[in-house]
């Protein structure tokens, strides 16, 4: 990152993809709730559209507008993470203890 600062987005994407791949590999013997899993894929795809459309100089990168592409990227990414969590957590889990 120090030698190529523009690589942070690419490295973050590779890290997230790697984490998801490892999680899927470790959980492949456990059931996955496909409705949530597909929801996570669709919402994350939409988040990526806003990420690309919200870059500096793009139509969704205007501080005067109510709808900000970068903000939508964060909101949709968080929603996709929640959906993925719901898809991969075993049924009847209790994460509070």
PDB file of N, CA and C in Angstrom:
ATOM      1  N   UNK A   1       0.836  -1.176   0.000  1.00  0.00           N
ATOM      2  CA  UNK A   1       0.000   0.000   0.000  1.00  0.00           C
ATOM      3  C   UNK A   1       0.883   1.242   0.000  1.00  0.00           C
ATOM      4  N   UNK A   2       1.986   1.198   0.691  1.00  0.00           N
ATOM      5  CA  UNK A   2       2.887   2.346   0.713  1.00  0.00           C
ATOM      6  C   UNK A   2       3.473   2.647  -0.652  1.00  0.00           C
ATOM      7  N   UNK A   3       3.758   1.622  -1.428  1.00  0.00           N
ATOM      8  CA  UNK A   3       4.328   1.821  -2.756  1.00  0.00           C
ATOM      9  C   UNK A   3       3.263   2.124  -3.813  1.00  0.00           C
ATOM     10  N   UNK A   4       2.038   1.652  -3.595  1.00  0.00           N
ATOM     11  CA  UNK A   4       0.964   1.830  -4.573  1.00  0.00           C
ATOM     12  C   UNK A   4      -0.330   2.166  -3.829  1.00  0.00           C
ATOM     13  N   UNK A   5      -0.482   3.425  -3.394  1.00  0.00           N
ATOM     14  CA  UNK A   5      -1.644   3.804  -2.580  1.00  0.00           C
ATOM     15  C   UNK A   5      -2.984   3.563  -3.257  1.00  0.00           C
ATOM     16  N   UNK A   6      -3.022   3.577  -4.572  1.00  0.00           N
ATOM     17  CA  UNK A   6      -4.282   3.357  -5.286  1.00  0.00           C
ATOM     18  C   UNK A   6      -4.756   1.906  -5.179  1.00  0.00           C
ATOM     19  N   UNK A   7      -3.940   1.044  -4.629  1.00  0.00           N
ATOM     20  CA  UNK A   7      -4.287  -0.379  -4.566  1.00  0.00           C
ATOM     21  C   UNK A   7      -5.185  -0.731  -3.385  1.00  0.00           C
ATOM     22  N   UNK A   8      -5.492   0.224  -2.524  1.00  0.00           N
ATOM     23  CA  UNK A   8      -6.255  -0.113  -1.318  1.00  0.00           C
ATOM     24  C   UNK A   8      -7.624  -0.699  -1.639  1.00  0.00           C
ATOM     25  N   UNK A   9      -8.333  -0.151  -2.626  1.00  0.00           N
ATOM     26  CA  UNK A   9      -9.648  -0.693  -2.970  1.00  0.00           C
ATOM     27  C   UNK A   9      -9.535  -2.115  -3.501  1.00  0.00           C
ATOM     28  N   UNK A  10      -8.559  -2.345  -4.349  1.00  0.00           N
ATOM     29  CA  UNK A  10      -8.365  -3.677  -4.893  1.00  0.00           C
ATOM     30  C   UNK A  10      -7.995  -4.662  -3.779  1.00  0.00           C
ATOM     31  N   UNK A  11      -7.101  -4.270  -2.893  1.00  0.00           N
ATOM     32  CA  UNK A  11      -6.695  -5.153  -1.802  1.00  0.00           C
ATOM     33  C   UNK A  11      -7.852  -5.446  -0.856  1.00  0.00           C
ATOM     34  N   UNK A  12      -8.693  -4.447  -0.596  1.00  0.00           N
ATOM     35  CA  UNK A  12      -9.864  -4.674   0.255  1.00  0.00           C
ATOM     36  C   UNK A  12     -10.809  -5.667  -0.407  1.00  0.00           C
ATOM     37  N   UNK A  13     -11.018  -5.525  -1.706  1.00  0.00           N
ATOM     38  CA  UNK A  13     -11.882  -6.456  -2.434  1.00  0.00           C
ATOM     39  C   UNK A  13     -11.341  -7.868  -2.411  1.00  0.00           C
ATOM     40  N   UNK A  14     -10.048  -8.010  -2.612  1.00  0.00           N
ATOM     41  CA  UNK A  14      -9.424  -9.335  -2.579  1.00  0.00           C
ATOM     42  C   UNK A  14      -9.528  -9.936  -1.176  1.00  0.00           C
ATOM     43  N   UNK A  15      -9.341  -9.117  -0.155  1.00  0.00           N
ATOM     44  CA  UNK A  15      -9.441  -9.606   1.222  1.00  0.00           C
ATOM     45  C   UNK A  15     -10.854 -10.085   1.536  1.00  0.00           C
ATOM     46  N   UNK A  16     -11.868  -9.318   1.136  1.00  0.00           N
ATOM     47  CA  UNK A  16     -13.253  -9.718   1.385  1.00  0.00           C
ATOM     48  C   UNK A  16     -13.580 -10.993   0.615  1.00  0.00           C
ATOM     49  N   UNK A  17     -13.186 -11.057  -0.645  1.00  0.00           N
ATOM     50  CA  UNK A  17     -13.433 -12.262  -1.445  1.00  0.00           C
ATOM     51  C   UNK A  17     -12.745 -13.473  -0.814  1.00  0.00           C
ATOM     52  N   UNK A  18     -11.536 -13.278  -0.316  1.00  0.00           N
ATOM     53  CA  UNK A  18     -10.817 -14.370   0.346  1.00  0.00           C
ATOM     54  C   UNK A  18     -11.514 -14.835   1.611  1.00  0.00           C
ATOM     55  N   UNK A  19     -11.997 -13.892   2.403  1.00  0.00           N
ATOM     56  CA  UNK A  19     -12.715 -14.250   3.628  1.00  0.00           C
ATOM     57  C   UNK A  19     -13.986 -15.027   3.318  1.00  0.00           C
ATOM     58  N   UNK A  20     -14.726 -14.574   2.316  1.00  0.00           N
ATOM     59  CA  UNK A  20     -15.946 -15.279   1.932  1.00  0.00           C
ATOM     60  C   UNK A  20     -15.609 -16.677   1.412  1.00  0.00           C
ATOM     61  N   UNK A  21     -14.573 -16.798   0.599  1.00  0.00           N
ATOM     62  CA  UNK A  21     -14.181 -18.104   0.062  1.00  0.00           C
ATOM     63  C   UNK A  21     -13.785 -19.065   1.178  1.00  0.00           C
ATOM     64  N   UNK A  22     -13.020 -18.594   2.153  1.00  0.00           N
ATOM     65  CA  UNK A  22     -12.619 -19.444   3.272  1.00  0.00           C
ATOM     66  C   UNK A  22     -13.838 -19.831   4.101  1.00  0.00           C
ATOM     67  N   UNK A  23     -14.731 -18.866   4.333  1.00  0.00           N
ATOM     68  CA  UNK A  23     -15.932 -19.157   5.114  1.00  0.00           C
ATOM     69  C   UNK A  23     -16.781 -20.214   4.418  1.00  0.00           C
ATOM     70  N   UNK A  24     -16.956 -20.071   3.120  1.00  0.00           N
ATOM     71  CA  UNK A  24     -17.737 -21.056   2.364  1.00  0.00           C
ATOM     72  C   UNK A  24     -17.058 -22.419   2.409  1.00  0.00           C
ATOM     73  N   UNK A  25     -15.747 -22.446   2.261  1.00  0.00           N
ATOM     74  CA  UNK A  25     -15.016 -23.718   2.292  1.00  0.00           C
ATOM     75  C   UNK A  25     -15.156 -24.405   3.652  1.00  0.00           C
ATOM     76  N   UNK A  26     -15.108 -23.621   4.731  1.00  0.00           N
ATOM     77  CA  UNK A  26     -15.226 -24.197   6.067  1.00  0.00           C
ATOM     78  C   UNK A  26     -16.648 -24.637   6.380  1.00  0.00           C
ATOM     79  N   UNK A  27     -17.622 -23.981   5.780  1.00  0.00           N
ATOM     80  CA  UNK A  27     -19.020 -24.262   6.090  1.00  0.00           C
ATOM     81  C   UNK A  27     -19.713 -25.117   5.043  1.00  0.00           C
ATOM     82  N   UNK A  28     -18.992 -25.640   4.072  1.00  0.00           N
ATOM     83  CA  UNK A  28     -19.686 -26.327   2.978  1.00  0.00           C
ATOM     84  C   UNK A  28     -20.464 -27.548   3.445  1.00  0.00           C
ATOM     85  N   UNK A  29     -20.148 -28.081   4.601  1.00  0.00           N
ATOM     86  CA  UNK A  29     -20.900 -29.216   5.121  1.00  0.00           C
ATOM     87  C   UNK A  29     -22.110 -28.773   5.946  1.00  0.00           C
ATOM     88  N   UNK A  30     -22.217 -27.490   6.226  1.00  0.00           N
ATOM     89  CA  UNK A  30     -23.352 -26.964   6.973  1.00  0.00           C
ATOM     90  C   UNK A  30     -24.371 -26.363   6.000  1.00  0.00           C
ATOM     91  N   UNK A  31     -25.623 -26.398   6.356  1.00  0.00           N
ATOM     92  CA  UNK A  31     -26.626 -25.801   5.461  1.00  0.00           C
ATOM     93  C   UNK A  31     -26.508 -24.284   5.424  1.00  0.00           C
ATOM     94  N   UNK A  32     -26.790 -23.732   4.276  1.00  0.00           N
ATOM     95  CA  UNK A  32     -26.797 -22.282   4.088  1.00  0.00           C
ATOM     96  C   UNK A  32     -28.202 -21.898   3.657  1.00  0.00           C
ATOM     97  N   UNK A  33     -28.743 -20.886   4.286  1.00  0.00           N
ATOM     98  CA  UNK A  33     -30.077 -20.424   3.906  1.00  0.00           C
ATOM     99  C   UNK A  33     -29.961 -19.612   2.628  1.00  0.00           C
ATOM    100  N   UNK A  34     -30.355 -20.253   1.530  1.00  0.00           N
ATOM    101  CA  UNK A  34     -30.104 -19.679   0.208  1.00  0.00           C
ATOM    102  C   UNK A  34     -30.827 -18.363  -0.032  1.00  0.00           C
ATOM    103  N   UNK A  35     -31.988 -18.174   0.568  1.00  0.00           N
ATOM    104  CA  UNK A  35     -32.699 -16.907   0.376  1.00  0.00           C
ATOM    105  C   UNK A  35     -31.833 -15.736   0.852  1.00  0.00           C
ATOM    106  N   UNK A  36     -31.214 -15.859   2.011  1.00  0.00           N
ATOM    107  CA  UNK A  36     -30.335 -14.806   2.529  1.00  0.00           C
ATOM    108  C   UNK A  36     -29.037 -14.722   1.745  1.00  0.00           C
ATOM    109  N   UNK A  37     -28.516 -15.892   1.346  1.00  0.00           N
ATOM    110  CA  UNK A  37     -27.245 -15.910   0.605  1.00  0.00           C
ATOM    111  C   UNK A  37     -27.398 -15.180  -0.721  1.00  0.00           C
ATOM    112  N   UNK A  38     -28.456 -15.484  -1.468  1.00  0.00           N
ATOM    113  CA  UNK A  38     -28.685 -14.805  -2.746  1.00  0.00           C
ATOM    114  C   UNK A  38     -28.992 -13.329  -2.520  1.00  0.00           C
ATOM    115  N   UNK A  39     -29.685 -13.023  -1.431  1.00  0.00           N
ATOM    116  CA  UNK A  39     -29.925 -11.627  -1.092  1.00  0.00           C
ATOM    117  C   UNK A  39     -28.621 -10.880  -0.884  1.00  0.00           C
ATOM    118  N   UNK A  40     -27.674 -11.517  -0.189  1.00  0.00           N
ATOM    119  CA  UNK A  40     -26.368 -10.902   0.040  1.00  0.00           C
ATOM    120  C   UNK A  40     -25.637 -10.662  -1.278  1.00  0.00           C
ATOM    121  N   UNK A  41     -25.702 -11.616  -2.186  1.00  0.00           N
ATOM    122  CA  UNK A  41     -25.045 -11.470  -3.486  1.00  0.00           C
ATOM    123  C   UNK A  41     -25.656 -10.305  -4.268  1.00  0.00           C
ATOM    124  N   UNK A  42     -26.981 -10.229  -4.279  1.00  0.00           N
ATOM    125  CA  UNK A  42     -27.658  -9.169  -5.035  1.00  0.00           C
ATOM    126  C   UNK A  42     -27.384  -7.797  -4.422  1.00  0.00           C
ATOM    127  N   UNK A  43     -27.492  -7.688  -3.104  1.00  0.00           N
ATOM    128  CA  UNK A  43     -27.269  -6.398  -2.442  1.00  0.00           C
ATOM    129  C   UNK A  43     -25.808  -5.962  -2.589  1.00  0.00           C
ATOM    130  N   UNK A  44     -24.872  -6.895  -2.496  1.00  0.00           N
ATOM    131  CA  UNK A  44     -23.468  -6.531  -2.662  1.00  0.00           C
ATOM    132  C   UNK A  44     -23.182  -6.104  -4.089  1.00  0.00           C
ATOM    133  N   UNK A  45     -23.825  -6.731  -5.049  1.00  0.00           N
ATOM    134  CA  UNK A  45     -23.660  -6.316  -6.445  1.00  0.00           C
ATOM    135  C   UNK A  45     -24.163  -4.885  -6.634  1.00  0.00           C
ATOM    136  N   UNK A  46     -25.289  -4.568  -6.034  1.00  0.00           N
ATOM    137  CA  UNK A  46     -25.810  -3.207  -6.095  1.00  0.00           C
ATOM    138  C   UNK A  46     -24.868  -2.229  -5.382  1.00  0.00           C
ATOM    139  N   UNK A  47     -24.306  -2.665  -4.265  1.00  0.00           N
ATOM    140  CA  UNK A  47     -23.341  -1.821  -3.548  1.00  0.00           C
ATOM    141  C   UNK A  47     -22.132  -1.507  -4.430  1.00  0.00           C
ATOM    142  N   UNK A  48     -21.675  -2.489  -5.184  1.00  0.00           N
ATOM    143  CA  UNK A  48     -20.537  -2.260  -6.076  1.00  0.00           C
ATOM    144  C   UNK A  48     -20.871  -1.257  -7.173  1.00  0.00           C
ATOM    145  N   UNK A  49     -22.113  -1.281  -7.649  1.00  0.00           N
ATOM    146  CA  UNK A  49     -22.543  -0.291  -8.643  1.00  0.00           C
ATOM    147  C   UNK A  49     -22.449   1.113  -8.049  1.00  0.00           C
ATOM    148  N   UNK A  50     -22.923   1.273  -6.816  1.00  0.00           N
ATOM    149  CA  UNK A  50     -22.833   2.583  -6.167  1.00  0.00           C
ATOM    150  C   UNK A  50     -21.384   2.957  -5.856  1.00  0.00           C
ATOM    151  N   UNK A  51     -20.571   1.955  -5.525  1.00  0.00           N
ATOM    152  CA  UNK A  51     -19.157   2.243  -5.270  1.00  0.00           C
ATOM    153  C   UNK A  51     -18.499   2.813  -6.519  1.00  0.00           C
ATOM    154  N   UNK A  52     -18.721   2.166  -7.637  1.00  0.00           N
ATOM    155  CA  UNK A  52     -18.120   2.633  -8.890  1.00  0.00           C
ATOM    156  C   UNK A  52     -18.756   3.940  -9.355  1.00  0.00           C
ATOM    157  N   UNK A  53     -20.062   4.085  -9.154  1.00  0.00           N
ATOM    158  CA  UNK A  53     -20.746   5.301  -9.561  1.00  0.00           C
ATOM    159  C   UNK A  53     -20.546   6.462  -8.618  1.00  0.00           C
ATOM    160  N   UNK A  54     -20.016   6.199  -7.440  1.00  0.00           N
ATOM    161  CA  UNK A  54     -19.822   7.248  -6.446  1.00  0.00           C
ATOM    162  C   UNK A  54     -18.399   7.747  -6.341  1.00  0.00           C
ATOM    163  N   UNK A  55     -17.586   7.419  -7.310  1.00  0.00           N
ATOM    164  CA  UNK A  55     -16.191   7.869  -7.283  1.00  0.00           C
ATOM    165  C   UNK A  55     -16.098   9.350  -7.623  1.00  0.00           C
ATOM    166  N   UNK A  56     -15.000   9.955  -7.281  1.00  0.00           N
ATOM    167  CA  UNK A  56     -14.784  11.376  -7.519  1.00  0.00           C
ATOM    168  C   UNK A  56     -15.022  11.727  -8.982  1.00  0.00           C
ATOM    169  N   UNK A  57     -15.848  12.755  -9.189  1.00  0.00           N
ATOM    170  CA  UNK A  57     -16.142  13.206 -10.538  1.00  0.00           C
ATOM    171  C   UNK A  57     -17.319  12.513 -11.190  1.00  0.00           C
ATOM    172  N   UNK A  58     -17.899  11.527 -10.518  1.00  0.00           N
ATOM    173  CA  UNK A  58     -19.027  10.796 -11.098  1.00  0.00           C
ATOM    174  C   UNK A  58     -20.345  11.493 -10.727  1.00  0.00           C
ATOM    175  N   UNK A  59     -21.454  11.100 -11.379  1.00  0.00           N
ATOM    176  CA  UNK A  59     -22.742  11.744 -11.099  1.00  0.00           C
ATOM    177  C   UNK A  59     -23.206  11.611  -9.641  1.00  0.00           C
ATOM    178  N   UNK A  60     -22.844  10.520  -8.968  1.00  0.00           N
ATOM    179  CA  UNK A  60     -23.254  10.327  -7.578  1.00  0.00           C
ATOM    180  C   UNK A  60     -22.252  10.880  -6.580  1.00  0.00           C
ATOM    181  N   UNK A  61     -21.290  11.639  -7.044  1.00  0.00           N
ATOM    182  CA  UNK A  61     -20.298  12.243  -6.149  1.00  0.00           C
ATOM    183  C   UNK A  61     -20.500  13.757  -6.177  1.00  0.00           C
ATOM    184  N   UNK A  62     -21.565  14.198  -5.560  1.00  0.00           N
ATOM    185  CA  UNK A  62     -21.892  15.616  -5.484  1.00  0.00           C
ATOM    186  C   UNK A  62     -22.351  15.893  -4.061  1.00  0.00           C
ATOM    187  N   UNK A  63     -21.561  16.650  -3.329  1.00  0.00           N
ATOM    188  CA  UNK A  63     -21.855  16.878  -1.909  1.00  0.00           C
ATOM    189  C   UNK A  63     -23.155  17.642  -1.691  1.00  0.00           C
ATOM    190  N   UNK A  64     -23.698  18.251  -2.724  1.00  0.00           N
ATOM    191  CA  UNK A  64     -24.952  18.992  -2.613  1.00  0.00           C
ATOM    192  C   UNK A  64     -26.178  18.093  -2.772  1.00  0.00           C
ATOM    193  N   UNK A  65     -26.006  16.879  -3.243  1.00  0.00           N
ATOM    194  CA  UNK A  65     -27.130  15.964  -3.469  1.00  0.00           C
ATOM    195  C   UNK A  65     -27.432  15.154  -2.211  1.00  0.00           C
ATOM    196  N   UNK A  66     -28.694  14.791  -2.069  1.00  0.00           N
ATOM    197  CA  UNK A  66     -29.105  13.976  -0.934  1.00  0.00           C
ATOM    198  C   UNK A  66     -28.575  12.546  -1.061  1.00  0.00           C
ATOM    199  N   UNK A  67     -28.632  11.986  -2.251  1.00  0.00           N
ATOM    200  CA  UNK A  67     -28.166  10.620  -2.495  1.00  0.00           C
ATOM    201  C   UNK A  67     -26.685  10.634  -2.842  1.00  0.00           C
ATOM    202  N   UNK A  68     -25.883  10.098  -1.956  1.00  0.00           N
ATOM    203  CA  UNK A  68     -24.436  10.033  -2.158  1.00  0.00           C
ATOM    204  C   UNK A  68     -24.021   8.598  -2.444  1.00  0.00           C
ATOM    205  N   UNK A  69     -23.321   8.396  -3.542  1.00  0.00           N
ATOM    206  CA  UNK A  69     -22.904   7.060  -3.929  1.00  0.00           C
ATOM    207  C   UNK A  69     -22.048   6.372  -2.894  1.00  0.00           C
ATOM    208  N   UNK A  70     -21.114   7.092  -2.301  1.00  0.00           N
ATOM    209  CA  UNK A  70     -20.220   6.477  -1.324  1.00  0.00           C
ATOM    210  C   UNK A  70     -20.992   6.071  -0.061  1.00  0.00           C
ATOM    211  N   UNK A  71     -21.945   6.912   0.340  1.00  0.00           N
ATOM    212  CA  UNK A  71     -22.763   6.564   1.508  1.00  0.00           C
ATOM    213  C   UNK A  71     -23.605   5.325   1.218  1.00  0.00           C
ATOM    214  N   UNK A  72     -24.189   5.262   0.022  1.00  0.00           N
ATOM    215  CA  UNK A  72     -24.978   4.090  -0.356  1.00  0.00           C
ATOM    216  C   UNK A  72     -24.110   2.838  -0.381  1.00  0.00           C
ATOM    217  N   UNK A  73     -22.863   2.982  -0.806  1.00  0.00           N
ATOM    218  CA  UNK A  73     -21.914   1.864  -0.798  1.00  0.00           C
ATOM    219  C   UNK A  73     -21.785   1.310   0.622  1.00  0.00           C
ATOM    220  N   UNK A  74     -21.618   2.195   1.601  1.00  0.00           N
ATOM    221  CA  UNK A  74     -21.458   1.750   2.983  1.00  0.00           C
ATOM    222  C   UNK A  74     -22.736   1.105   3.510  1.00  0.00           C
ATOM    223  N   UNK A  75     -23.879   1.714   3.243  1.00  0.00           N
ATOM    224  CA  UNK A  75     -25.155   1.179   3.729  1.00  0.00           C
ATOM    225  C   UNK A  75     -25.442  -0.186   3.113  1.00  0.00           C
ATOM    226  N   UNK A  76     -25.291  -0.290   1.799  1.00  0.00           N
ATOM    227  CA  UNK A  76     -25.580  -1.554   1.123  1.00  0.00           C
ATOM    228  C   UNK A  76     -24.566  -2.639   1.474  1.00  0.00           C
ATOM    229  N   UNK A  77     -23.302  -2.265   1.673  1.00  0.00           N
ATOM    230  CA  UNK A  77     -22.292  -3.249   2.081  1.00  0.00           C
ATOM    231  C   UNK A  77     -22.624  -3.814   3.457  1.00  0.00           C
ATOM    232  N   UNK A  78     -23.058  -2.942   4.365  1.00  0.00           N
ATOM    233  CA  UNK A  78     -23.446  -3.405   5.703  1.00  0.00           C
ATOM    234  C   UNK A  78     -24.658  -4.328   5.614  1.00  0.00           C
ATOM    235  N   UNK A  79     -25.622  -3.981   4.767  1.00  0.00           N
ATOM    236  CA  UNK A  79     -26.803  -4.826   4.591  1.00  0.00           C
ATOM    237  C   UNK A  79     -26.413  -6.185   4.012  1.00  0.00           C
ATOM    238  N   UNK A  80     -25.499  -6.185   3.049  1.00  0.00           N
ATOM    239  CA  UNK A  80     -25.040  -7.440   2.452  1.00  0.00           C
ATOM    240  C   UNK A  80     -24.319  -8.306   3.486  1.00  0.00           C
ATOM    241  N   UNK A  81     -23.539  -7.681   4.354  1.00  0.00           N
ATOM    242  CA  UNK A  81     -22.844  -8.426   5.407  1.00  0.00           C
ATOM    243  C   UNK A  81     -23.849  -9.056   6.367  1.00  0.00           C
ATOM    244  N   UNK A  82     -24.900  -8.308   6.729  1.00  0.00           N
ATOM    245  CA  UNK A  82     -25.936  -8.862   7.597  1.00  0.00           C
ATOM    246  C   UNK A  82     -26.626 -10.045   6.926  1.00  0.00           C
ATOM    247  N   UNK A  83     -26.974  -9.898   5.646  1.00  0.00           N
ATOM    248  CA  UNK A  83     -27.621 -10.994   4.923  1.00  0.00           C
ATOM    249  C   UNK A  83     -26.713 -12.223   4.855  1.00  0.00           C
ATOM    250  N   UNK A  84     -25.429 -11.995   4.623  1.00  0.00           N
ATOM    251  CA  UNK A  84     -24.483 -13.108   4.578  1.00  0.00           C
ATOM    252  C   UNK A  84     -24.398 -13.806   5.939  1.00  0.00           C
ATOM    253  N   UNK A  85     -24.392 -13.005   7.000  1.00  0.00           N
ATOM    254  CA  UNK A  85     -24.374 -13.554   8.352  1.00  0.00           C
ATOM    255  C   UNK A  85     -25.608 -14.413   8.588  1.00  0.00           C
ATOM    256  N   UNK A  86     -26.768 -13.898   8.187  1.00  0.00           N
ATOM    257  CA  UNK A  86     -28.013 -14.661   8.340  1.00  0.00           C
ATOM    258  C   UNK A  86     -27.978 -15.946   7.520  1.00  0.00           C
ATOM    259  N   UNK A  87     -27.360 -15.901   6.378  1.00  0.00           N
ATOM    260  CA  UNK A  87     -27.295 -17.078   5.495  1.00  0.00           C
ATOM    261  C   UNK A  87     -26.398 -18.171   6.058  1.00  0.00           C
ATOM    262  N   UNK A  88     -25.340 -17.795   6.726  1.00  0.00           N
ATOM    263  CA  UNK A  88     -24.328 -18.771   7.121  1.00  0.00           C
ATOM    264  C   UNK A  88     -24.359 -19.182   8.588  1.00  0.00           C
ATOM    265  N   UNK A  89     -25.073 -18.459   9.428  1.00  0.00           N
ATOM    266  CA  UNK A  89     -25.133 -18.839  10.833  1.00  0.00           C
ATOM    267  C   UNK A  89     -26.071 -20.026  11.001  1.00  0.00           C
ATOM    268  N   UNK A  90     -25.704 -20.962  11.847  1.00  0.00           N
ATOM    269  CA  UNK A  90     -26.581 -22.112  12.081  1.00  0.00           C
ATOM    270  C   UNK A  90     -27.919 -21.665  12.690  1.00  0.00           C
ATOM    271  N   UNK A  91     -28.980 -22.363  12.341  1.00  0.00           N
ATOM    272  CA  UNK A  91     -30.299 -22.056  12.888  1.00  0.00           C
ATOM    273  C   UNK A  91     -30.303 -22.262  14.400  1.00  0.00           C
ATOM    274  N   UNK A  92     -31.046 -21.461  15.116  1.00  0.00           N
ATOM    275  CA  UNK A  92     -31.138 -21.592  16.558  1.00  0.00           C
ATOM    276  C   UNK A  92     -29.916 -21.068  17.304  1.00  0.00           C
ATOM    277  N   UNK A  93     -29.110 -20.253  16.642  1.00  0.00           N
ATOM    278  CA  UNK A  93     -27.899 -19.750  17.278  1.00  0.00           C
ATOM    279  C   UNK A  93     -28.236 -18.705  18.322  1.00  0.00           C
ATOM    280  N   UNK A  94     -27.363 -18.544  19.292  1.00  0.00           N
ATOM    281  CA  UNK A  94     -27.496 -17.503  20.283  1.00  0.00           C
ATOM    282  C   UNK A  94     -26.147 -16.818  20.378  1.00  0.00           C
ATOM    283  N   UNK A  95     -26.031 -15.659  19.745  1.00  0.00           N
ATOM    284  CA  UNK A  95     -24.730 -14.974  19.725  1.00  0.00           C
ATOM    285  C   UNK A  95     -24.547 -14.038  20.905  1.00  0.00           C
ATOM    286  N   UNK A  96     -25.509 -13.990  21.812  1.00  0.00           N
ATOM    287  CA  UNK A  96     -25.418 -13.064  22.940  1.00  0.00           C
ATOM    288  C   UNK A  96     -24.664 -13.670  24.110  1.00  0.00           C
ATOM    289  N   UNK A  97     -24.421 -14.969  24.090  1.00  0.00           N
ATOM    290  CA  UNK A  97     -23.731 -15.573  25.229  1.00  0.00           C
ATOM    291  C   UNK A  97     -22.309 -15.886  24.902  1.00  0.00           C
TER     292      UNK A  97
END
